[in-house]
């Protein structure tokens, strides 16, 4: 997920395991088996959710190009 831009690389050892635990609790293994691509899309969305803000490397919601600033 980090390689796809879901979260930033940080200098904290084994941060990917913390992210994996976050996803593991929210994406059932059966969903991974049915469609890995769909599960990845879901994980990407979850990485931007404010419920992931406590995780190292959290980026937050990305604003689509051309969207007006609020």
Protein backbone atom coordinates (compact mmCIF):
# COMPACT_ATOMS: atom_id res chain seq x y z
CA UNK A 1 0.00 0.00 0.00
CA UNK A 2 2.89 2.36 0.69
CA UNK A 3 4.26 1.78 -2.81
CA UNK A 4 0.88 2.80 -4.21
CA UNK A 5 0.90 6.07 -2.25
CA UNK A 6 -1.43 4.98 0.55
CA UNK A 7 0.97 6.19 3.23
CA UNK A 8 4.39 7.81 3.42
CA UNK A 9 7.67 6.10 4.09
CA UNK A 10 8.87 6.94 7.59
CA UNK A 11 11.99 6.15 9.60
CA UNK A 12 10.14 3.98 12.11
CA UNK A 13 11.12 0.31 12.00
CA UNK A 14 8.46 -2.19 10.94
CA UNK A 15 5.75 0.44 10.40
CA UNK A 16 4.29 -1.74 7.64
CA UNK A 17 3.22 -4.26 10.29
CA UNK A 18 1.17 -1.59 12.06
CA UNK A 19 -0.53 -0.75 8.80
CA UNK A 20 -1.09 -4.44 8.06
CA UNK A 21 -2.82 -4.88 11.42
CA UNK A 22 -5.05 -1.89 10.65
CA UNK A 23 -6.09 -3.40 7.31
CA UNK A 24 -6.35 -6.95 8.63
CA UNK A 25 -8.99 -5.91 11.16
CA UNK A 26 -11.09 -4.25 8.47
CA UNK A 27 -10.75 -6.39 5.34
CA UNK A 28 -11.91 -10.01 5.73
CA UNK A 29 -9.59 -12.66 4.31
CA UNK A 30 -12.41 -13.97 2.13
CA UNK A 31 -12.61 -10.61 0.43
CA UNK A 32 -8.89 -10.84 -0.38
CA UNK A 33 -9.37 -14.27 -1.90
CA UNK A 34 -12.36 -13.18 -4.00
CA UNK A 35 -10.76 -10.06 -5.44
CA UNK A 36 -7.34 -8.87 -4.38
CA UNK A 37 -7.69 -5.80 -6.62
CA UNK A 38 -10.96 -4.75 -4.94
CA UNK A 39 -9.41 -5.29 -1.51
CA UNK A 40 -6.48 -3.05 -2.52
CA UNK A 41 -8.86 -0.28 -3.58
CA UNK A 42 -10.63 -0.61 -0.25
CA UNK A 43 -7.31 -0.53 1.63
CA UNK A 44 -6.23 2.60 -0.25
CA UNK A 45 -9.44 4.34 0.74
CA UNK A 46 -9.01 3.17 4.33
CA UNK A 47 -5.45 4.54 4.41
CA UNK A 48 -6.84 8.00 3.70
CA UNK A 49 -9.58 7.74 6.35
CA UNK A 50 -9.11 9.86 9.46
CA UNK A 51 -9.39 6.68 11.55
CA UNK A 52 -5.88 5.85 10.30
CA UNK A 53 -4.46 9.21 11.45
CA UNK A 54 -2.72 7.55 14.42
CA UNK A 55 -0.55 5.43 12.12
CA UNK A 56 2.96 6.58 11.15
CA UNK A 57 3.11 7.86 7.59
CA UNK A 58 -0.57 8.79 7.45
CA UNK A 59 -1.18 11.14 4.52
CA UNK A 60 -4.88 11.84 4.86
CA UNK A 61 -7.44 12.41 2.17
CA UNK A 62 -6.06 13.51 -1.14
CA UNK A 63 -7.82 16.30 -2.97
CA UNK A 64 -8.54 15.44 -6.61
CA UNK A 65 -6.70 17.57 -9.16
CA UNK A 66 -8.71 20.62 -10.11
CA UNK A 67 -10.92 20.48 -7.02
CA UNK A 68 -11.64 23.87 -5.47
CA UNK A 69 -9.90 24.67 -2.21
CA UNK A 70 -12.18 25.20 0.77
